[in-house]
């Protein structure tokens, strides 16, 4: 969530588009009924605080019916 740059009230993301591996473009709408401004923002990765070692894939947990999900 961001604040509207026009009135300062909360603005919610209505949709988004992955621009690159590290950047997402978000389409936002102000929740203030007297403003209702819409604007585009970008969310980008700037740095990592920590990185995992080798990531090894694991099987998913079974669901409540004790069945594993099908992987196509």
PDB file of N, CA and C in Angstrom:
ATOM      1  N   UNK A   1       0.840  -1.178   0.000  1.00  0.00           N
ATOM      2  CA  UNK A   1       0.000   0.000   0.000  1.00  0.00           C
ATOM      3  C   UNK A   1       0.888   1.246   0.000  1.00  0.00           C
ATOM      4  N   UNK A   2       0.441   2.236  -0.708  1.00  0.00           N
ATOM      5  CA  UNK A   2       1.113   3.540  -0.739  1.00  0.00           C
ATOM      6  C   UNK A   2       0.115   4.604  -0.328  1.00  0.00           C
ATOM      7  N   UNK A   3       0.623   5.788  -0.067  1.00  0.00           N
ATOM      8  CA  UNK A   3      -0.244   6.935   0.154  1.00  0.00           C
ATOM      9  C   UNK A   3      -0.376   7.704  -1.146  1.00  0.00           C
ATOM     10  N   UNK A   4      -1.541   8.268  -1.361  1.00  0.00           N
ATOM     11  CA  UNK A   4      -1.803   9.053  -2.560  1.00  0.00           C
ATOM     12  C   UNK A   4      -0.911  10.300  -2.563  1.00  0.00           C
ATOM     13  N   UNK A   5      -0.198  10.566  -3.660  1.00  0.00           N
ATOM     14  CA  UNK A   5       0.658  11.754  -3.709  1.00  0.00           C
ATOM     15  C   UNK A   5      -0.140  13.058  -3.787  1.00  0.00           C
ATOM     16  N   UNK A   6      -1.430  12.973  -4.077  1.00  0.00           N
ATOM     17  CA  UNK A   6      -2.256  14.184  -4.174  1.00  0.00           C
ATOM     18  C   UNK A   6      -2.850  14.605  -2.832  1.00  0.00           C
ATOM     19  N   UNK A   7      -3.440  13.623  -2.105  1.00  0.00           N
ATOM     20  CA  UNK A   7      -4.130  13.977  -0.865  1.00  0.00           C
ATOM     21  C   UNK A   7      -3.546  13.316   0.378  1.00  0.00           C
ATOM     22  N   UNK A   8      -2.676  12.313   0.218  1.00  0.00           N
ATOM     23  CA  UNK A   8      -2.039  11.673   1.358  1.00  0.00           C
ATOM     24  C   UNK A   8      -2.781  10.498   1.961  1.00  0.00           C
ATOM     25  N   UNK A   9      -3.986  10.199   1.461  1.00  0.00           N
ATOM     26  CA  UNK A   9      -4.741   9.057   1.977  1.00  0.00           C
ATOM     27  C   UNK A   9      -4.211   7.747   1.388  1.00  0.00           C
ATOM     28  N   UNK A  10      -4.671   6.635   1.940  1.00  0.00           N
ATOM     29  CA  UNK A  10      -4.245   5.315   1.475  1.00  0.00           C
ATOM     30  C   UNK A  10      -4.652   5.098   0.020  1.00  0.00           C
ATOM     31  N   UNK A  11      -3.754   4.483  -0.732  1.00  0.00           N
ATOM     32  CA  UNK A  11      -4.044   4.105  -2.116  1.00  0.00           C
ATOM     33  C   UNK A  11      -3.772   2.613  -2.239  1.00  0.00           C
ATOM     34  N   UNK A  12      -4.687   1.886  -2.842  1.00  0.00           N
ATOM     35  CA  UNK A  12      -4.547   0.443  -3.003  1.00  0.00           C
ATOM     36  C   UNK A  12      -4.144   0.090  -4.424  1.00  0.00           C
ATOM     37  N   UNK A  13      -3.397  -1.001  -4.553  1.00  0.00           N
ATOM     38  CA  UNK A  13      -2.987  -1.487  -5.863  1.00  0.00           C
ATOM     39  C   UNK A  13      -4.169  -2.149  -6.547  1.00  0.00           C
ATOM     40  N   UNK A  14      -4.484  -1.729  -7.751  1.00  0.00           N
ATOM     41  CA  UNK A  14      -5.588  -2.318  -8.515  1.00  0.00           C
ATOM     42  C   UNK A  14      -5.086  -3.423  -9.428  1.00  0.00           C
ATOM     43  N   UNK A  15      -3.891  -3.272  -9.962  1.00  0.00           N
ATOM     44  CA  UNK A  15      -3.262  -4.311 -10.783  1.00  0.00           C
ATOM     45  C   UNK A  15      -1.768  -4.031 -10.825  1.00  0.00           C
ATOM     46  N   UNK A  16      -1.024  -5.002 -11.348  1.00  0.00           N
ATOM     47  CA  UNK A  16       0.422  -4.826 -11.436  1.00  0.00           C
ATOM     48  C   UNK A  16       0.970  -5.609 -12.615  1.00  0.00           C
ATOM     49  N   UNK A  17       2.174  -5.256 -13.005  1.00  0.00           N
ATOM     50  CA  UNK A  17       2.836  -5.869 -14.139  1.00  0.00           C
ATOM     51  C   UNK A  17       4.306  -6.052 -13.787  1.00  0.00           C
ATOM     52  N   UNK A  18       4.819  -7.262 -13.967  1.00  0.00           N
ATOM     53  CA  UNK A  18       6.232  -7.529 -13.698  1.00  0.00           C
ATOM     54  C   UNK A  18       7.046  -6.977 -14.871  1.00  0.00           C
ATOM     55  N   UNK A  19       7.777  -5.892 -14.653  1.00  0.00           N
ATOM     56  CA  UNK A  19       8.543  -5.221 -15.703  1.00  0.00           C
ATOM     57  C   UNK A  19       9.867  -5.943 -15.952  1.00  0.00           C
ATOM     58  N   UNK A  20      10.535  -6.346 -14.879  1.00  0.00           N
ATOM     59  CA  UNK A  20      11.786  -7.093 -14.976  1.00  0.00           C
ATOM     60  C   UNK A  20      11.863  -8.022 -13.777  1.00  0.00           C
ATOM     61  N   UNK A  21      12.959  -8.751 -13.666  1.00  0.00           N
ATOM     62  CA  UNK A  21      13.126  -9.681 -12.559  1.00  0.00           C
ATOM     63  C   UNK A  21      13.116  -8.963 -11.206  1.00  0.00           C
ATOM     64  N   UNK A  22      13.517  -7.710 -11.203  1.00  0.00           N
ATOM     65  CA  UNK A  22      13.646  -6.959  -9.949  1.00  0.00           C
ATOM     66  C   UNK A  22      12.698  -5.770  -9.831  1.00  0.00           C
ATOM     67  N   UNK A  23      11.821  -5.539 -10.814  1.00  0.00           N
ATOM     68  CA  UNK A  23      10.939  -4.371 -10.777  1.00  0.00           C
ATOM     69  C   UNK A  23       9.510  -4.734 -11.143  1.00  0.00           C
ATOM     70  N   UNK A  24       8.566  -4.196 -10.357  1.00  0.00           N
ATOM     71  CA  UNK A  24       7.141  -4.386 -10.620  1.00  0.00           C
ATOM     72  C   UNK A  24       6.481  -3.015 -10.778  1.00  0.00           C
ATOM     73  N   UNK A  25       5.658  -2.859 -11.794  1.00  0.00           N
ATOM     74  CA  UNK A  25       4.900  -1.631 -12.012  1.00  0.00           C
ATOM     75  C   UNK A  25       3.509  -1.838 -11.429  1.00  0.00           C
ATOM     76  N   UNK A  26       3.083  -0.940 -10.556  1.00  0.00           N
ATOM     77  CA  UNK A  26       1.779  -1.064  -9.899  1.00  0.00           C
ATOM     78  C   UNK A  26       0.859   0.087 -10.306  1.00  0.00           C
ATOM     79  N   UNK A  27      -0.388  -0.252 -10.543  1.00  0.00           N
ATOM     80  CA  UNK A  27      -1.416   0.730 -10.851  1.00  0.00           C
ATOM     81  C   UNK A  27      -2.247   0.914  -9.588  1.00  0.00           C
ATOM     82  N   UNK A  28      -2.234   2.125  -9.031  1.00  0.00           N
ATOM     83  CA  UNK A  28      -2.829   2.408  -7.724  1.00  0.00           C
ATOM     84  C   UNK A  28      -4.027   3.340  -7.846  1.00  0.00           C
ATOM     85  N   UNK A  29      -4.938   3.216  -6.871  1.00  0.00           N
ATOM     86  CA  UNK A  29      -6.100   4.099  -6.814  1.00  0.00           C
ATOM     87  C   UNK A  29      -6.282   4.587  -5.385  1.00  0.00           C
ATOM     88  N   UNK A  30      -6.443   5.896  -5.236  1.00  0.00           N
ATOM     89  CA  UNK A  30      -6.662   6.511  -3.934  1.00  0.00           C
ATOM     90  C   UNK A  30      -8.016   6.064  -3.382  1.00  0.00           C
ATOM     91  N   UNK A  31      -8.055   5.758  -2.076  1.00  0.00           N
ATOM     92  CA  UNK A  31      -9.281   5.300  -1.433  1.00  0.00           C
ATOM     93  C   UNK A  31     -10.123   6.450  -0.881  1.00  0.00           C
ATOM     94  N   UNK A  32      -9.616   7.672  -0.957  1.00  0.00           N
ATOM     95  CA  UNK A  32     -10.366   8.847  -0.522  1.00  0.00           C
ATOM     96  C   UNK A  32     -11.429   9.148  -1.575  1.00  0.00           C
ATOM     97  N   UNK A  33     -12.709   9.067  -1.195  1.00  0.00           N
ATOM     98  CA  UNK A  33     -13.802   9.256  -2.150  1.00  0.00           C
ATOM     99  C   UNK A  33     -13.796  10.657  -2.772  1.00  0.00           C
ATOM    100  N   UNK A  34     -13.230  11.637  -2.076  1.00  0.00           N
ATOM    101  CA  UNK A  34     -13.166  12.995  -2.612  1.00  0.00           C
ATOM    102  C   UNK A  34     -11.989  13.202  -3.563  1.00  0.00           C
ATOM    103  N   UNK A  35     -11.074  12.243  -3.628  1.00  0.00           N
ATOM    104  CA  UNK A  35      -9.912  12.347  -4.512  1.00  0.00           C
ATOM    105  C   UNK A  35     -10.019  11.302  -5.629  1.00  0.00           C
ATOM    106  N   UNK A  36      -9.864  10.042  -5.274  1.00  0.00           N
ATOM    107  CA  UNK A  36      -9.970   8.961  -6.264  1.00  0.00           C
ATOM    108  C   UNK A  36      -8.884   8.968  -7.322  1.00  0.00           C
ATOM    109  N   UNK A  37      -7.779   9.650  -7.048  1.00  0.00           N
ATOM    110  CA  UNK A  37      -6.696   9.713  -8.031  1.00  0.00           C
ATOM    111  C   UNK A  37      -6.132   8.338  -8.347  1.00  0.00           C
ATOM    112  N   UNK A  38      -5.722   8.144  -9.583  1.00  0.00           N
ATOM    113  CA  UNK A  38      -5.055   6.909  -9.984  1.00  0.00           C
ATOM    114  C   UNK A  38      -3.652   7.268 -10.470  1.00  0.00           C
ATOM    115  N   UNK A  39      -2.679   6.419 -10.143  1.00  0.00           N
ATOM    116  CA  UNK A  39      -1.300   6.700 -10.515  1.00  0.00           C
ATOM    117  C   UNK A  39      -0.523   5.396 -10.624  1.00  0.00           C
ATOM    118  N   UNK A  40       0.624   5.472 -11.270  1.00  0.00           N
ATOM    119  CA  UNK A  40       1.499   4.318 -11.472  1.00  0.00           C
ATOM    120  C   UNK A  40       2.716   4.483 -10.575  1.00  0.00           C
ATOM    121  N   UNK A  41       3.141   3.390  -9.947  1.00  0.00           N
ATOM    122  CA  UNK A  41       4.349   3.397  -9.134  1.00  0.00           C
ATOM    123  C   UNK A  41       5.208   2.193  -9.511  1.00  0.00           C
ATOM    124  N   UNK A  42       6.481   2.240  -9.150  1.00  0.00           N
ATOM    125  CA  UNK A  42       7.395   1.132  -9.391  1.00  0.00           C
ATOM    126  C   UNK A  42       7.941   0.632  -8.062  1.00  0.00           C
ATOM    127  N   UNK A  43       7.980  -0.693  -7.921  1.00  0.00           N
ATOM    128  CA  UNK A  43       8.571  -1.324  -6.747  1.00  0.00           C
ATOM    129  C   UNK A  43       9.792  -2.094  -7.228  1.00  0.00           C
ATOM    130  N   UNK A  44      10.946  -1.793  -6.660  1.00  0.00           N
ATOM    131  CA  UNK A  44      12.193  -2.428  -7.107  1.00  0.00           C
ATOM    132  C   UNK A  44      12.987  -2.962  -5.927  1.00  0.00           C
ATOM    133  N   UNK A  45      13.716  -4.033  -6.183  1.00  0.00           N
ATOM    134  CA  UNK A  45      14.654  -4.569  -5.204  1.00  0.00           C
ATOM    135  C   UNK A  45      15.892  -3.678  -5.252  1.00  0.00           C
ATOM    136  N   UNK A  46      16.316  -3.173  -4.091  1.00  0.00           N
ATOM    137  CA  UNK A  46      17.500  -2.319  -4.058  1.00  0.00           C
ATOM    138  C   UNK A  46      18.715  -3.039  -3.492  1.00  0.00           C
ATOM    139  N   UNK A  47      18.501  -3.932  -2.523  1.00  0.00           N
ATOM    140  CA  UNK A  47      19.613  -4.710  -1.969  1.00  0.00           C
ATOM    141  C   UNK A  47      19.046  -5.876  -1.171  1.00  0.00           C
ATOM    142  N   UNK A  48      19.904  -6.858  -0.918  1.00  0.00           N
ATOM    143  CA  UNK A  48      19.528  -8.004  -0.105  1.00  0.00           C
ATOM    144  C   UNK A  48      20.083  -7.817   1.300  1.00  0.00           C
ATOM    145  N   UNK A  49      19.300  -8.194   2.283  1.00  0.00           N
ATOM    146  CA  UNK A  49      19.758  -8.173   3.661  1.00  0.00           C
ATOM    147  C   UNK A  49      20.474  -9.493   3.960  1.00  0.00           C
ATOM    148  N   UNK A  50      19.917 -10.579   3.461  1.00  0.00           N
ATOM    149  CA  UNK A  50      20.578 -11.880   3.562  1.00  0.00           C
ATOM    150  C   UNK A  50      20.148 -12.718   2.371  1.00  0.00           C
ATOM    151  N   UNK A  51      20.993 -13.640   1.986  1.00  0.00           N
ATOM    152  CA  UNK A  51      20.704 -14.541   0.880  1.00  0.00           C
ATOM    153  C   UNK A  51      20.830 -15.971   1.379  1.00  0.00           C
ATOM    154  N   UNK A  52      19.927 -16.859   0.935  1.00  0.00           N
ATOM    155  CA  UNK A  52      20.053 -18.253   1.347  1.00  0.00           C
ATOM    156  C   UNK A  52      21.224 -18.912   0.634  1.00  0.00           C
ATOM    157  N   UNK A  53      21.660 -20.044   1.190  1.00  0.00           N
ATOM    158  CA  UNK A  53      22.684 -20.830   0.514  1.00  0.00           C
ATOM    159  C   UNK A  53      22.037 -21.517  -0.674  1.00  0.00           C
ATOM    160  N   UNK A  54      22.427 -22.717  -0.942  1.00  0.00           N
ATOM    161  CA  UNK A  54      21.840 -23.488  -2.046  1.00  0.00           C
ATOM    162  C   UNK A  54      20.373 -23.776  -1.723  1.00  0.00           C
ATOM    163  N   UNK A  55      19.499 -23.470  -2.646  1.00  0.00           N
ATOM    164  CA  UNK A  55      18.071 -23.714  -2.466  1.00  0.00           C
ATOM    165  C   UNK A  55      17.745 -25.048  -3.119  1.00  0.00           C
ATOM    166  N   UNK A  56      17.300 -25.985  -2.296  1.00  0.00           N
ATOM    167  CA  UNK A  56      16.970 -27.310  -2.797  1.00  0.00           C
ATOM    168  C   UNK A  56      15.449 -27.475  -2.814  1.00  0.00           C
ATOM    169  N   UNK A  57      14.867 -27.863  -3.962  1.00  0.00           N
ATOM    170  CA  UNK A  57      13.421 -28.044  -4.021  1.00  0.00           C
ATOM    171  C   UNK A  57      12.971 -29.211  -3.136  1.00  0.00           C
ATOM    172  N   UNK A  58      11.804 -29.058  -2.533  1.00  0.00           N
ATOM    173  CA  UNK A  58      11.233 -30.112  -1.691  1.00  0.00           C
ATOM    174  C   UNK A  58       9.820 -30.428  -2.159  1.00  0.00           C
ATOM    175  N   UNK A  59       9.329 -31.592  -1.808  1.00  0.00           N
ATOM    176  CA  UNK A  59       7.949 -31.963  -2.139  1.00  0.00           C
ATOM    177  C   UNK A  59       6.994 -31.156  -1.275  1.00  0.00           C
ATOM    178  N   UNK A  60       5.835 -30.742  -1.831  1.00  0.00           N
ATOM    179  CA  UNK A  60       4.869 -29.978  -1.039  1.00  0.00           C
ATOM    180  C   UNK A  60       4.226 -30.851   0.036  1.00  0.00           C
ATOM    181  N   UNK A  61       3.734 -30.203   1.088  1.00  0.00           N
ATOM    182  CA  UNK A  61       3.012 -30.923   2.137  1.00  0.00           C
ATOM    183  C   UNK A  61       1.691 -31.434   1.576  1.00  0.00           C
ATOM    184  N   UNK A  62       1.198 -32.582   2.041  1.00  0.00           N
ATOM    185  CA  UNK A  62      -0.117 -33.042   1.588  1.00  0.00           C
ATOM    186  C   UNK A  62      -1.201 -32.089   2.098  1.00  0.00           C
ATOM    187  N   UNK A  63      -2.302 -31.982   1.343  1.00  0.00           N
ATOM    188  CA  UNK A  63      -3.398 -31.123   1.776  1.00  0.00           C
ATOM    189  C   UNK A  63      -4.214 -31.822   2.868  1.00  0.00           C
ATOM    190  N   UNK A  64      -5.320 -31.242   3.293  1.00  0.00           N
ATOM    191  CA  UNK A  64      -6.097 -31.802   4.400  1.00  0.00           C
ATOM    192  C   UNK A  64      -6.699 -33.170   4.076  1.00  0.00           C
ATOM    193  N   UNK A  65      -6.745 -33.548   2.788  1.00  0.00           N
ATOM    194  CA  UNK A  65      -7.256 -34.849   2.397  1.00  0.00           C
ATOM    195  C   UNK A  65      -6.120 -35.861   2.210  1.00  0.00           C
ATOM    196  N   UNK A  66      -4.915 -35.484   2.666  1.00  0.00           N
ATOM    197  CA  UNK A  66      -3.726 -36.324   2.570  1.00  0.00           C
ATOM    198  C   UNK A  66      -3.324 -36.623   1.127  1.00  0.00           C
ATOM    199  N   UNK A  67      -3.601 -35.675   0.225  1.00  0.00           N
ATOM    200  CA  UNK A  67      -3.229 -35.839  -1.175  1.00  0.00           C
ATOM    201  C   UNK A  67      -2.222 -34.776  -1.549  1.00  0.00           C
ATOM    202  N   UNK A  68      -1.218 -35.149  -2.299  1.00  0.00           N
ATOM    203  CA  UNK A  68      -0.244 -34.167  -2.769  1.00  0.00           C
ATOM    204  C   UNK A  68      -0.774 -33.497  -4.025  1.00  0.00           C
ATOM    205  N   UNK A  69      -0.370 -32.260  -4.248  1.00  0.00           N
ATOM    206  CA  UNK A  69      -0.783 -31.523  -5.433  1.00  0.00           C
ATOM    207  C   UNK A  69      -0.093 -32.115  -6.659  1.00  0.00           C
ATOM    208  N   UNK A  70      -0.805 -32.099  -7.789  1.00  0.00           N
ATOM    209  CA  UNK A  70      -0.219 -32.569  -9.034  1.00  0.00           C
ATOM    210  C   UNK A  70       0.654 -31.477  -9.623  1.00  0.00           C
ATOM    211  N   UNK A  71       1.825 -31.832 -10.047  1.00  0.00           N
ATOM    212  CA  UNK A  71       2.737 -30.870 -10.694  1.00  0.00           C
ATOM    213  C   UNK A  71       2.786 -31.224 -12.164  1.00  0.00           C
ATOM    214  N   UNK A  72       2.353 -30.285 -12.997  1.00  0.00           N
ATOM    215  CA  UNK A  72       2.314 -30.538 -14.443  1.00  0.00           C
ATOM    216  C   UNK A  72       3.570 -30.048 -15.105  1.00  0.00           C
TER     217      UNK A  72
END
